[in-house]
């Protein structure tokens, strides 16, 4: 009986993790076909970038609005609702012949995708305890890291041979399968918490913002994901316009970023057992700005050099999410759902604004844009480093 329960937990863990992978897939599979969407609907690149940024911004808003009430809701039902939204919207995205209809469908898709990550991580933390919880979150994070790494490659290949319609029909099929598995595979976890636990929204957020280390981690995560997504959205334009790379090859040139992000997550799992999280945090604070400055200086020189830069940068990006989420989880034994929701809101907001920021390359040379971002991130890191050192001393 114990073994059967354990197997059921493993199945649920992977189903929830794959659902989160799929939510991220909806967001990131779209990136390599940005030039294709621009040409199909005959709109400016800024409008296409807006569909990317608005998608992430809506996901961010879902995190903060759902985070304070999620513990008192039927989370299986929330997951099913999210997949209904995604099923309907992906069909409209596939067959829309007007950009406004396509934009509205992407917004609905974002609402569905935004519900999934916070629900799944909360279900996992309830299902597992102690060391098993840490191991489960590690599995969850690896799959979550895998999605933005694999998605551009998959999106580039599907976009080349089947257009954007093929990408969204592909997402519809996966969504329908996961919807059925969730109906029959997940426990119905109806739970009514004490009213006092969710009654004081103001007190909850005061408690969250009173934790220096938690808030500091969230602020750093905003700038890290801001720069990361700025580069991610700019990359297909760079490869297409600067290096004249065909669409199907653009997806493959995300491979250095893909492999290195996975490697970064694996390295974190090993290092966090030996090195204090604060020391790892400080290392990220200074390594990330250096890599962004190097990207700004060298990304238009050679495509081989670009691949090397992306590999090194990808390792740091892959290292950062599990580091940040682990630090947040450790800092908040109480109000963890609210803290994780706020953390997701902040990092997704960084992605949304970063996606729009990348459009500056049309008025300012891209070299200057990314060198400036690297320098800005460096000075931000110094401020956080000095404050962190004072906190550790006292």
Protein backbone atom coordinates (compact mmCIF):
# COMPACT_ATOMS: atom_id res chain seq x y z
CA UNK A 1 0.00 0.00 0.00
CA UNK A 2 2.83 2.41 0.89
CA UNK A 3 4.57 1.66 -2.38
CA UNK A 4 1.36 2.29 -4.31
CA UNK A 5 0.85 5.63 -2.56
CA UNK A 6 4.47 6.55 -3.34
CA UNK A 7 3.96 5.68 -7.01
CA UNK A 8 0.79 7.76 -7.08
CA UNK A 9 2.71 10.71 -5.62
CA UNK A 10 5.43 10.35 -8.25
CA UNK A 11 2.80 10.28 -11.01
CA UNK A 12 1.12 13.39 -9.61
CA UNK A 13 4.49 15.13 -9.26
CA UNK A 14 5.38 14.54 -12.90
CA UNK A 15 1.88 15.44 -14.10
CA UNK A 16 2.03 18.74 -12.23
CA UNK A 17 5.59 19.43 -13.39
CA UNK A 18 4.70 18.66 -17.02
CA UNK A 19 1.68 20.95 -16.72
CA UNK A 20 4.00 23.77 -15.62
CA UNK A 21 6.37 22.86 -18.45
CA UNK A 22 3.42 23.20 -20.82
CA UNK A 23 2.46 26.61 -19.41
CA UNK A 24 5.98 27.84 -20.10
CA UNK A 25 5.88 26.18 -23.52
CA UNK A 26 2.88 28.35 -24.44
CA UNK A 27 4.95 31.41 -23.63
CA UNK A 28 8.33 30.52 -25.12
CA UNK A 29 7.51 28.46 -28.22
CA UNK A 30 6.30 31.71 -29.77
CA UNK A 31 9.63 33.55 -29.65
CA UNK A 32 11.39 32.18 -32.80
CA UNK A 33 8.40 32.95 -35.04
CA UNK A 34 8.25 36.65 -34.18
CA UNK A 35 9.39 37.60 -37.73
CA UNK A 36 6.80 35.15 -39.14
CA UNK A 37 3.95 36.71 -37.13
CA UNK A 38 5.10 40.18 -38.19
CA UNK A 39 4.95 39.23 -41.87
CA UNK A 40 1.74 37.17 -41.69
CA UNK A 41 -0.35 39.95 -40.10
CA UNK A 42 1.63 42.78 -41.75
CA UNK A 43 2.14 44.64 -38.47
CA UNK A 44 5.17 46.34 -36.96
CA UNK A 45 7.64 44.42 -34.83
CA UNK A 46 6.59 46.52 -31.83
CA UNK A 47 3.04 45.13 -32.04
CA UNK A 48 4.38 41.59 -32.17
CA UNK A 49 6.65 42.29 -29.19
CA UNK A 50 3.57 43.60 -27.41
CA UNK A 51 1.90 40.19 -27.75
CA UNK A 52 4.96 38.68 -26.06
CA UNK A 53 5.15 41.23 -23.26
CA UNK A 54 1.40 41.36 -22.61
CA UNK A 55 1.34 37.57 -22.32
CA UNK A 56 3.96 37.68 -19.57
CA UNK A 57 2.40 40.69 -17.86
CA UNK A 58 -0.95 38.89 -17.61
CA UNK A 59 0.78 35.83 -16.16
CA UNK A 60 2.39 38.17 -13.62
CA UNK A 61 -0.96 39.69 -12.64
CA UNK A 62 -2.47 36.22 -12.19
CA UNK A 63 0.34 35.33 -9.76
CA UNK A 64 -0.24 38.25 -7.44
CA UNK A 65 -4.05 38.09 -7.56
CA UNK A 66 -4.17 34.32 -7.04
CA UNK A 67 -1.34 34.06 -4.50
CA UNK A 68 -3.28 35.39 -1.49
CA UNK A 69 -6.32 33.11 -1.96
CA UNK A 70 -4.91 29.96 -3.52
CA UNK A 71 -4.66 28.00 -0.26
CA UNK A 72 -8.45 28.17 0.24
CA UNK A 73 -9.41 27.12 -3.31
CA UNK A 74 -9.96 23.75 -4.99
CA UNK A 75 -6.70 23.65 -6.91
CA UNK A 76 -7.63 20.78 -9.21
CA UNK A 77 -10.62 22.80 -10.36
CA UNK A 78 -8.37 25.81 -10.97
CA UNK A 79 -6.10 23.68 -13.15
CA UNK A 80 -9.03 22.40 -15.20
CA UNK A 81 -10.29 25.95 -15.73
CA UNK A 82 -6.84 27.02 -16.89
CA UNK A 83 -6.70 24.26 -19.49
CA UNK A 84 -10.18 25.12 -20.76
CA UNK A 85 -8.96 28.68 -21.39
CA UNK A 86 -5.88 27.38 -23.18
CA UNK A 87 -7.82 24.87 -25.32
CA UNK A 88 -10.22 27.50 -26.61
CA UNK A 89 -7.67 30.26 -27.13
CA UNK A 90 -5.12 28.13 -29.02
CA UNK A 91 -7.74 27.27 -31.65
CA UNK A 92 -8.49 30.98 -32.13
CA UNK A 93 -4.74 31.74 -32.32
CA UNK A 94 -4.32 29.10 -35.02
CA UNK A 95 -7.12 30.33 -37.29
CA UNK A 96 -7.27 34.07 -36.59
CA UNK A 97 -6.97 36.09 -39.79
CA UNK A 98 -6.90 39.49 -38.09
CA UNK A 99 -4.21 40.65 -35.67
CA UNK A 100 -6.67 42.03 -33.09
CA UNK A 101 -8.43 38.65 -32.81
CA UNK A 102 -5.05 36.96 -32.51
CA UNK A 103 -4.03 39.39 -29.75
CA UNK A 104 -7.23 38.77 -27.76
CA UNK A 105 -6.78 35.01 -28.08
CA UNK A 106 -3.21 35.28 -26.78
CA UNK A 107 -4.48 37.25 -23.79
CA UNK A 108 -6.98 34.49 -22.94
CA UNK A 109 -4.22 31.93 -23.42
CA UNK A 110 -2.05 33.90 -20.98
CA UNK A 111 -4.80 33.83 -18.34
CA UNK A 112 -4.91 30.04 -18.56
CA UNK A 113 -1.13 29.69 -18.55
CA UNK A 114 -0.80 32.09 -15.61
CA UNK A 115 -2.93 29.95 -13.29
CA UNK A 116 -0.85 26.79 -13.73
CA UNK A 117 2.59 27.55 -12.14
CA UNK A 118 1.36 28.82 -8.79
CA UNK A 119 -1.26 26.08 -8.44
CA UNK A 120 1.19 23.29 -9.26
CA UNK A 121 3.95 24.46 -6.89
CA UNK A 122 1.42 24.76 -4.06
CA UNK A 123 0.04 21.28 -4.74
CA UNK A 124 3.57 19.85 -4.71
CA UNK A 125 4.47 21.49 -1.40
CA UNK A 126 1.30 20.04 0.13
CA UNK A 127 1.90 16.57 -1.29
CA UNK A 128 5.50 16.21 -0.08
CA UNK A 129 7.18 16.98 3.23
CA UNK A 130 10.74 17.24 4.55
CA UNK A 131 13.53 16.08 2.26
CA UNK A 132 11.01 14.63 -0.20
CA UNK A 133 9.60 18.13 -0.69
CA UNK A 134 13.03 19.53 -1.58
CA UNK A 135 13.64 16.73 -4.05
CA UNK A 136 10.18 17.22 -5.60
CA UNK A 137 10.72 20.96 -6.01
CA UNK A 138 14.07 20.20 -7.64
CA UNK A 139 12.35 17.96 -10.21
CA UNK A 140 9.72 20.63 -10.77
CA UNK A 141 12.36 23.33 -11.29
CA UNK A 142 14.38 21.27 -13.77
CA UNK A 143 11.32 20.71 -15.96
CA UNK A 144 10.41 24.38 -15.62
CA UNK A 145 13.94 25.33 -16.72
CA UNK A 146 13.73 22.86 -19.59
CA UNK A 147 10.70 24.58 -21.15
CA UNK A 148 12.27 27.93 -22.21
CA UNK A 149 15.31 25.97 -23.34
CA UNK A 150 13.50 23.49 -25.62
CA UNK A 151 10.63 25.75 -26.72
CA UNK A 152 12.58 27.98 -29.16
CA UNK A 153 14.03 24.95 -30.95
CA UNK A 154 10.61 23.32 -31.23
CA UNK A 155 8.98 26.60 -32.24
CA UNK A 156 11.55 27.23 -34.96
CA UNK A 157 11.09 23.78 -36.51
CA UNK A 158 7.28 23.81 -36.35
CA UNK A 159 7.14 27.40 -37.58
CA UNK A 160 9.33 26.65 -40.59
CA UNK A 161 7.28 23.69 -41.83
CA UNK A 162 3.75 24.38 -40.56
CA UNK A 163 3.64 28.12 -39.86
CA UNK A 164 2.21 29.66 -36.72
CA UNK A 165 -1.01 27.66 -37.21
CA UNK A 166 0.92 24.42 -36.76
CA UNK A 167 2.46 25.66 -33.50
CA UNK A 168 -0.90 26.51 -31.93
CA UNK A 169 -2.56 23.28 -33.11
CA UNK A 170 0.35 21.40 -31.54
CA UNK A 171 -0.29 23.24 -28.26
CA UNK A 172 -4.01 22.39 -28.49
CA UNK A 173 -3.34 18.65 -28.75
CA UNK A 174 -1.01 18.67 -25.71
CA UNK A 175 -3.46 20.80 -23.72
CA UNK A 176 -6.33 18.41 -24.46
CA UNK A 177 -4.28 15.38 -23.35
CA UNK A 178 -3.18 17.07 -20.09
CA UNK A 179 -6.77 18.15 -19.42
CA UNK A 180 -7.91 14.51 -19.54
CA UNK A 181 -5.01 13.31 -17.38
CA UNK A 182 -5.76 15.96 -14.74
CA UNK A 183 -9.43 14.93 -14.59
CA UNK A 184 -8.59 11.30 -13.85
CA UNK A 185 -5.09 11.52 -12.35
CA UNK A 186 -5.18 14.28 -9.74
CA UNK A 187 -6.83 14.04 -6.32
CA UNK A 188 -9.73 16.40 -5.70
CA UNK A 189 -8.15 18.48 -2.93
CA UNK A 190 -11.08 20.55 -1.71
CA UNK A 191 -9.77 22.41 1.35
CA UNK A 192 -11.26 25.15 3.48
CA UNK A 193 -8.73 27.01 5.53
CA UNK A 194 -9.57 29.11 8.54
CA UNK A 195 -11.00 32.46 7.52
CA UNK A 196 -8.52 34.28 9.71
CA UNK A 197 -5.69 32.93 7.62
CA UNK A 198 -6.78 34.85 4.52
CA UNK A 199 -8.79 37.70 6.01
CA UNK A 200 -6.05 40.31 6.42
CA UNK A 201 -4.48 40.98 3.05
CA UNK A 202 -2.64 44.04 4.36
CA UNK A 203 -1.03 42.14 7.25
CA UNK A 204 0.03 39.36 4.91
CA UNK A 205 1.85 41.72 2.57
CA UNK A 206 3.38 43.66 5.46
CA UNK A 207 4.84 40.38 6.71
CA UNK A 208 6.15 39.50 3.26
CA UNK A 209 7.76 42.91 2.68
CA UNK A 210 9.27 42.94 6.16
CA UNK A 211 11.64 40.13 5.22
CA UNK A 212 14.76 41.85 3.85
CA UNK A 213 16.31 38.81 2.23
CA UNK A 214 13.08 37.80 0.54
CA UNK A 215 12.43 41.27 -0.86
CA UNK A 216 16.07 41.67 -1.96
CA UNK A 217 15.89 38.38 -3.84
CA UNK A 218 12.70 39.48 -5.57
CA UNK A 219 14.22 42.82 -6.65
CA UNK A 220 17.31 41.13 -8.08
CA UNK A 221 15.12 38.59 -9.87
CA UNK A 222 13.23 41.43 -11.59
CA UNK A 223 16.38 42.81 -13.20
CA UNK A 224 17.79 39.36 -14.02
CA UNK A 225 14.65 38.30 -15.88
CA UNK A 226 14.24 41.76 -17.41
CA UNK A 227 17.63 41.47 -19.12
CA UNK A 228 17.19 37.77 -19.93
CA UNK A 229 13.91 38.25 -21.77
CA UNK A 230 15.16 41.36 -23.52
CA UNK A 231 17.93 39.21 -25.01
CA UNK A 232 15.58 36.30 -25.72
CA UNK A 233 13.12 38.45 -27.69
CA UNK A 234 15.90 40.30 -29.52
CA UNK A 235 17.77 37.11 -30.48
CA UNK A 236 15.59 35.95 -33.45
CA UNK A 237 15.68 39.47 -34.90
CA UNK A 238 19.46 39.55 -34.49
CA UNK A 239 19.91 36.16 -36.15
CA UNK A 240 17.49 36.97 -38.98
CA UNK A 241 18.56 40.54 -39.76
CA UNK A 242 22.26 40.57 -38.79
CA UNK A 243 23.32 37.04 -39.70
CA UNK A 244 20.55 36.19 -42.24
CA UNK A 245 19.81 32.86 -40.58
CA UNK A 246 16.76 30.90 -41.91
CA UNK A 247 13.85 30.39 -39.52
CA UNK A 248 14.38 26.67 -38.97
CA UNK A 249 18.04 27.28 -38.07
CA UNK A 250 17.17 30.10 -35.65
CA UNK A 251 15.52 27.57 -33.35
CA UNK A 252 18.61 25.35 -33.46
CA UNK A 253 20.87 28.28 -32.58
CA UNK A 254 19.07 28.49 -29.25
CA UNK A 255 20.81 25.18 -28.50
CA UNK A 256 23.77 26.73 -26.63
CA UNK A 257 21.28 28.54 -24.39
CA UNK A 258 19.26 25.34 -24.06
CA UNK A 259 22.09 23.09 -22.92
CA UNK A 260 23.69 25.66 -20.65
CA UNK A 261 20.42 26.51 -18.84
CA UNK A 262 19.88 22.85 -18.03
CA UNK A 263 23.52 22.57 -16.96
CA UNK A 264 23.13 25.65 -14.75
CA UNK A 265 20.17 24.07 -12.92
CA UNK A 266 22.09 20.82 -12.41
CA UNK A 267 25.12 22.73 -11.09
CA UNK A 268 22.91 24.57 -8.61
CA UNK A 269 21.56 21.28 -7.22
CA UNK A 270 25.13 20.15 -6.52
CA UNK A 271 26.58 23.44 -5.24
CA UNK A 272 23.71 24.32 -2.88
CA UNK A 273 24.62 21.26 -0.79
CA UNK A 274 28.15 22.58 -0.23
CA UNK A 275 28.01 26.37 -0.50
CA UNK A 276 25.68 28.70 1.47
CA UNK A 277 22.87 30.16 -0.62
CA UNK A 278 23.96 33.71 0.26
CA UNK A 279 27.40 33.08 -1.28
CA UNK A 280 25.80 31.69 -4.43
CA UNK A 281 23.53 34.72 -4.52
CA UNK A 282 26.52 37.07 -4.35
CA UNK A 283 28.25 35.16 -7.18
CA UNK A 284 25.20 35.65 -9.42
CA UNK A 285 25.10 39.36 -8.53
CA UNK A 286 28.51 39.96 -10.10
CA UNK A 287 28.70 37.30 -12.81
CA UNK A 288 25.45 38.23 -14.54
CA UNK A 289 26.33 41.91 -15.24
CA UNK A 290 29.72 40.92 -16.69
CA UNK A 291 28.07 38.49 -19.10
CA UNK A 292 25.50 41.07 -20.22
CA UNK A 293 28.24 43.67 -20.90
CA UNK A 294 30.18 41.10 -22.95
CA UNK A 295 27.00 40.32 -24.91
CA UNK A 296 26.53 44.00 -25.66
CA UNK A 297 30.12 44.38 -26.89
CA UNK A 298 30.43 41.18 -28.94
CA UNK A 299 27.01 39.91 -30.09
CA UNK A 300 27.26 41.45 -33.58
CA UNK A 301 30.83 40.30 -34.27
CA UNK A 302 30.62 36.57 -35.09
CA UNK A 303 27.91 33.96 -34.79
CA UNK A 304 30.36 31.52 -33.16
CA UNK A 305 31.26 34.12 -30.55
CA UNK A 306 27.54 34.74 -30.03
CA UNK A 307 26.99 31.01 -29.38
CA UNK A 308 29.82 30.96 -26.81
CA UNK A 309 28.42 34.05 -25.07
CA UNK A 310 24.95 32.52 -24.95
CA UNK A 311 26.31 29.30 -23.48
CA UNK A 312 27.98 31.12 -20.58
CA UNK A 313 25.03 33.43 -20.04
CA UNK A 314 22.60 30.51 -20.19
CA UNK A 315 24.41 28.74 -17.36
CA UNK A 316 23.89 31.73 -15.09
CA UNK A 317 20.26 32.10 -16.16
CA UNK A 318 19.63 28.40 -15.52
CA UNK A 319 21.33 28.69 -12.14
CA UNK A 320 19.27 31.68 -11.01
CA UNK A 321 15.60 30.48 -10.87
CA UNK A 322 16.16 27.50 -8.54
CA UNK A 323 18.45 29.68 -6.39
CA UNK A 324 15.87 32.45 -6.10
CA UNK A 325 12.90 30.12 -5.54
CA UNK A 326 14.78 28.12 -2.89
CA UNK A 327 15.76 31.29 -1.04
CA UNK A 328 12.17 32.56 -1.16
CA UNK A 329 10.80 29.23 0.09
CA UNK A 330 13.31 29.13 2.95
CA UNK A 331 12.65 32.73 4.02
CA UNK A 332 8.87 32.38 4.27
CA UNK A 333 7.67 29.54 6.46
CA UNK A 334 4.47 31.54 6.86
CA UNK A 335 2.69 33.24 3.92
CA UNK A 336 4.67 31.11 1.47
CA UNK A 337 1.88 31.11 -1.12
CA UNK A 338 1.69 34.90 -1.06
CA UNK A 339 5.49 35.25 -1.21
CA UNK A 340 5.80 32.84 -4.15
CA UNK A 341 2.94 34.60 -5.93
CA UNK A 342 4.63 37.97 -5.43
CA UNK A 343 7.97 36.52 -6.54
CA UNK A 344 6.40 35.17 -9.74
CA UNK A 345 4.65 38.49 -10.32
CA UNK A 346 7.92 40.42 -10.01
CA UNK A 347 9.96 38.14 -12.26
CA UNK A 348 7.22 37.90 -14.90
CA UNK A 349 6.90 41.69 -14.79
CA UNK A 350 10.63 41.88 -15.47
CA UNK A 351 10.17 39.60 -18.48
CA UNK A 352 7.23 41.62 -19.79
CA UNK A 353 9.03 44.95 -19.58
CA UNK A 354 12.25 43.42 -20.90
CA UNK A 355 10.43 42.16 -23.99
CA UNK A 356 9.21 45.66 -24.78
CA UNK A 357 12.59 47.20 -23.95
CA UNK A 358 14.29 45.15 -26.68
CA UNK A 359 12.53 47.29 -29.30
CA UNK A 360 14.96 50.13 -28.45
CA UNK A 361 17.47 48.62 -30.87
CA UNK A 362 15.56 50.42 -33.65
CA UNK A 363 16.46 53.84 -32.25
CA UNK A 364 19.61 53.06 -30.22
CA UNK A 365 22.40 50.69 -31.36
CA UNK A 366 21.93 47.31 -29.72
CA UNK A 367 25.54 47.36 -28.48
CA UNK A 368 24.82 50.45 -26.39
CA UNK A 369 21.50 49.04 -25.14
CA UNK A 370 23.02 45.89 -23.66
CA UNK A 371 26.21 47.50 -22.38
CA UNK A 372 24.00 50.00 -20.55
CA UNK A 373 21.85 47.18 -19.14
CA UNK A 374 24.94 45.34 -17.95
CA UNK A 375 26.35 48.44 -16.24
CA UNK A 376 22.98 49.20 -14.64
CA UNK A 377 22.71 45.63 -13.38
CA UNK A 378 26.26 45.88 -12.01
CA UNK A 379 25.51 48.99 -9.92
CA UNK A 380 22.24 47.44 -8.72
CA UNK A 381 24.25 44.38 -7.66
CA UNK A 382 26.73 46.51 -5.70
CA UNK A 383 23.88 48.09 -3.70
CA UNK A 384 22.40 44.69 -2.87
CA UNK A 385 25.83 43.26 -2.06
CA UNK A 386 26.62 46.02 0.46
CA UNK A 387 23.21 45.70 2.12
CA UNK A 388 23.51 41.92 2.25
CA UNK A 389 26.97 42.09 3.85
CA UNK A 390 25.69 44.45 6.56
CA UNK A 391 22.80 42.10 7.28
CA UNK A 392 25.08 39.07 7.55
CA UNK A 393 27.47 40.94 9.89
CA UNK A 394 24.75 42.08 12.27
